[in-house]
Amino acid sequence: MRNFHSIITQLKHYMSVNKEGKVLDKDLAKALGMSQANFATVKRRNSTPYENILIFCKKEELCCTDIFFE
């Protein structure tokens, strides 16, 4: 299973396919339905927001296995 930073990198990579330019933390926070401050706190604590990621995967019809596992 991937660690928090690998999961974030994978999500940013997925989002970059549909967006021109670099995907920032604020873009990812918005996609996950989180405030920028909340996302920064989660990132600092190295705490994976599983529920938010699973909801994002369902909405985007993305296989969560691709996000969580190598």
N, C-alpha and C. Protein backbone atom coordinates (compact mmCIF):
# COMPACT_ATOMS: atom_id res chain seq x y z
N MET A 1 0.85 -1.17 0.00
CA MET A 1 0.00 0.00 0.00
C MET A 1 0.90 1.24 0.00
N ARG A 2 0.49 2.22 -0.76
CA ARG A 2 1.27 3.45 -0.87
C ARG A 2 1.14 4.31 0.38
N ASN A 3 2.14 5.14 0.61
CA ASN A 3 2.07 6.09 1.70
C ASN A 3 1.33 7.35 1.24
N PHE A 4 1.09 8.24 2.15
CA PHE A 4 0.29 9.44 1.87
C PHE A 4 0.84 10.25 0.69
N HIS A 5 2.13 10.51 0.70
CA HIS A 5 2.71 11.34 -0.35
C HIS A 5 2.65 10.67 -1.73
N SER A 6 2.78 9.36 -1.77
CA SER A 6 2.64 8.63 -3.04
C SER A 6 1.20 8.68 -3.55
N ILE A 7 0.25 8.61 -2.64
CA ILE A 7 -1.16 8.70 -3.02
C ILE A 7 -1.47 10.08 -3.59
N ILE A 8 -0.96 11.12 -2.93
CA ILE A 8 -1.17 12.48 -3.40
C ILE A 8 -0.55 12.68 -4.78
N THR A 9 0.64 12.14 -4.97
CA THR A 9 1.32 12.23 -6.27
C THR A 9 0.50 11.53 -7.35
N GLN A 10 -0.05 10.38 -7.03
CA GLN A 10 -0.86 9.63 -7.99
C GLN A 10 -2.14 10.40 -8.35
N LEU A 11 -2.78 11.00 -7.35
CA LEU A 11 -3.98 11.79 -7.61
C LEU A 11 -3.66 13.01 -8.47
N LYS A 12 -2.56 13.67 -8.17
CA LYS A 12 -2.16 14.83 -8.98
C LYS A 12 -1.86 14.43 -10.41
N HIS A 13 -1.22 13.27 -10.57
CA HIS A 13 -0.94 12.77 -11.93
C HIS A 13 -2.23 12.52 -12.69
N TYR A 14 -3.19 11.89 -12.04
CA TYR A 14 -4.49 11.64 -12.67
C TYR A 14 -5.16 12.95 -13.07
N MET A 15 -5.13 13.94 -12.17
CA MET A 15 -5.78 15.21 -12.45
C MET A 15 -5.06 16.00 -13.54
N SER A 16 -3.74 15.83 -13.67
CA SER A 16 -2.98 16.58 -14.66
C SER A 16 -3.32 16.15 -16.09
N VAL A 17 -3.85 14.95 -16.25
CA VAL A 17 -4.24 14.47 -17.58
C VAL A 17 -5.39 15.33 -18.12
N ASN A 18 -6.29 15.76 -17.22
CA ASN A 18 -7.46 16.52 -17.62
C ASN A 18 -7.28 18.03 -17.50
N LYS A 19 -6.11 18.48 -17.08
CA LYS A 19 -5.90 19.90 -16.85
C LYS A 19 -4.57 20.33 -17.45
N GLU A 20 -4.57 21.50 -18.04
CA GLU A 20 -3.31 22.04 -18.53
C GLU A 20 -2.55 22.65 -17.36
N GLY A 21 -1.26 22.45 -17.33
CA GLY A 21 -0.46 23.02 -16.26
C GLY A 21 -0.32 22.09 -15.08
N LYS A 22 0.33 22.61 -14.06
CA LYS A 22 0.62 21.84 -12.86
C LYS A 22 -0.59 21.82 -11.93
N VAL A 23 -0.84 20.67 -11.32
CA VAL A 23 -1.91 20.53 -10.34
C VAL A 23 -1.33 20.88 -8.97
N LEU A 24 -1.91 21.87 -8.34
CA LEU A 24 -1.44 22.33 -7.04
C LEU A 24 -2.23 21.67 -5.91
N ASP A 25 -1.72 21.82 -4.69
CA ASP A 25 -2.42 21.26 -3.53
C ASP A 25 -3.82 21.83 -3.40
N LYS A 26 -3.99 23.11 -3.71
CA LYS A 26 -5.31 23.72 -3.60
C LYS A 26 -6.29 23.11 -4.60
N ASP A 27 -5.80 22.71 -5.78
CA ASP A 27 -6.65 22.05 -6.77
C ASP A 27 -7.07 20.67 -6.27
N LEU A 28 -6.13 19.96 -5.69
CA LEU A 28 -6.44 18.63 -5.16
C LEU A 28 -7.39 18.72 -3.98
N ALA A 29 -7.16 19.70 -3.11
CA ALA A 29 -8.05 19.90 -1.96
C ALA A 29 -9.48 20.13 -2.43
N LYS A 30 -9.65 20.98 -3.43
CA LYS A 30 -10.98 21.27 -3.96
C LYS A 30 -11.61 20.01 -4.55
N ALA A 31 -10.82 19.23 -5.29
CA ALA A 31 -11.33 18.00 -5.89
C ALA A 31 -11.75 16.98 -4.84
N LEU A 32 -11.07 17.00 -3.71
CA LEU A 32 -11.39 16.06 -2.63
C LEU A 32 -12.47 16.60 -1.70
N GLY A 33 -12.97 17.80 -1.97
CA GLY A 33 -14.03 18.37 -1.16
C GLY A 33 -13.53 18.85 0.20
N MET A 34 -12.30 19.31 0.23
CA MET A 34 -11.70 19.79 1.47
C MET A 34 -11.29 21.24 1.31
N SER A 35 -11.21 21.95 2.42
CA SER A 35 -10.68 23.30 2.36
C SER A 35 -9.16 23.21 2.21
N GLN A 36 -8.58 24.27 1.73
CA GLN A 36 -7.14 24.30 1.56
C GLN A 36 -6.43 24.15 2.91
N ALA A 37 -6.97 24.79 3.95
CA ALA A 37 -6.37 24.71 5.28
C ALA A 37 -6.47 23.29 5.84
N ASN A 38 -7.61 22.65 5.64
CA ASN A 38 -7.81 21.28 6.12
C ASN A 38 -6.85 20.32 5.41
N PHE A 39 -6.69 20.52 4.10
CA PHE A 39 -5.78 19.67 3.34
C PHE A 39 -4.34 19.86 3.83
N ALA A 40 -3.96 21.10 4.11
CA ALA A 40 -2.61 21.38 4.60
C ALA A 40 -2.37 20.69 5.95
N THR A 41 -3.39 20.69 6.80
CA THR A 41 -3.27 20.03 8.09
C THR A 41 -3.12 18.52 7.92
N VAL A 42 -3.93 17.94 7.05
CA VAL A 42 -3.87 16.51 6.77
C VAL A 42 -2.49 16.15 6.21
N LYS A 43 -2.00 16.98 5.32
CA LYS A 43 -0.69 16.74 4.71
C LYS A 43 0.42 16.83 5.75
N ARG A 44 0.37 17.83 6.60
CA ARG A 44 1.38 18.02 7.63
C ARG A 44 1.38 16.83 8.61
N ARG A 45 0.20 16.31 8.93
CA ARG A 45 0.09 15.18 9.85
C ARG A 45 0.34 13.84 9.18
N ASN A 46 0.49 13.87 7.84
CA ASN A 46 0.70 12.65 7.06
C ASN A 46 -0.45 11.67 7.28
N SER A 47 -1.67 12.21 7.28
CA SER A 47 -2.88 11.44 7.55
C SER A 47 -3.72 11.37 6.28
N THR A 48 -3.88 10.19 5.74
CA THR A 48 -4.59 10.01 4.48
C THR A 48 -6.09 10.15 4.66
N PRO A 49 -6.74 11.05 3.89
CA PRO A 49 -8.20 11.22 3.97
C PRO A 49 -8.91 10.18 3.09
N TYR A 50 -8.97 8.95 3.57
CA TYR A 50 -9.49 7.84 2.77
C TYR A 50 -10.90 8.10 2.25
N GLU A 51 -11.77 8.57 3.10
CA GLU A 51 -13.17 8.78 2.68
C GLU A 51 -13.25 9.78 1.53
N ASN A 52 -12.52 10.88 1.62
CA ASN A 52 -12.53 11.89 0.57
C ASN A 52 -11.98 11.32 -0.74
N ILE A 53 -10.94 10.51 -0.63
CA ILE A 53 -10.34 9.93 -1.83
C ILE A 53 -11.29 8.92 -2.47
N LEU A 54 -11.94 8.11 -1.65
CA LEU A 54 -12.89 7.13 -2.19
C LEU A 54 -14.07 7.81 -2.88
N ILE A 55 -14.57 8.88 -2.31
CA ILE A 55 -15.66 9.64 -2.93
C ILE A 55 -15.20 10.23 -4.26
N PHE A 56 -13.98 10.77 -4.28
CA PHE A 56 -13.41 11.32 -5.52
C PHE A 56 -13.30 10.23 -6.58
N CYS A 57 -12.80 9.05 -6.20
CA CYS A 57 -12.65 7.94 -7.15
C CYS A 57 -14.00 7.52 -7.72
N LYS A 58 -15.01 7.46 -6.88
CA LYS A 58 -16.35 7.08 -7.35
C LYS A 58 -16.89 8.12 -8.32
N LYS A 59 -16.73 9.38 -7.99
CA LYS A 59 -17.22 10.47 -8.83
C LYS A 59 -16.52 10.49 -10.19
N GLU A 60 -15.21 10.21 -10.18
CA GLU A 60 -14.42 10.24 -11.41
C GLU A 60 -14.39 8.89 -12.13
N GLU A 61 -15.07 7.90 -11.56
CA GLU A 61 -15.06 6.54 -12.08
C GLU A 61 -13.63 6.02 -12.23
N LEU A 62 -12.86 6.24 -11.19
CA LEU A 62 -11.47 5.85 -11.13
C LEU A 62 -11.32 4.67 -10.18
N CYS A 63 -10.54 3.69 -10.56
CA CYS A 63 -10.34 2.52 -9.71
C CYS A 63 -9.43 2.92 -8.54
N CYS A 64 -9.94 2.79 -7.34
CA CYS A 64 -9.17 3.19 -6.15
C CYS A 64 -7.95 2.30 -5.95
N THR A 65 -7.95 1.12 -6.51
CA THR A 65 -6.78 0.24 -6.42
C THR A 65 -5.58 0.91 -7.08
N ASP A 66 -5.80 1.63 -8.18
CA ASP A 66 -4.73 2.33 -8.86
C ASP A 66 -4.15 3.44 -7.99
N ILE A 67 -4.95 4.00 -7.13
CA ILE A 67 -4.50 5.10 -6.27
C ILE A 67 -3.78 4.56 -5.02
N PHE A 68 -4.35 3.56 -4.38
CA PHE A 68 -3.82 3.10 -3.10
C PHE A 68 -2.71 2.05 -3.20
N PHE A 69 -2.66 1.30 -4.29
CA PHE A 69 -1.68 0.22 -4.41
C PHE A 69 -0.80 0.41 -5.63
N GLU A 70 0.41 -0.13 -5.52
CA GLU A 70 1.37 0.00 -6.62
C GLU A 70 1.18 -1.08 -7.65
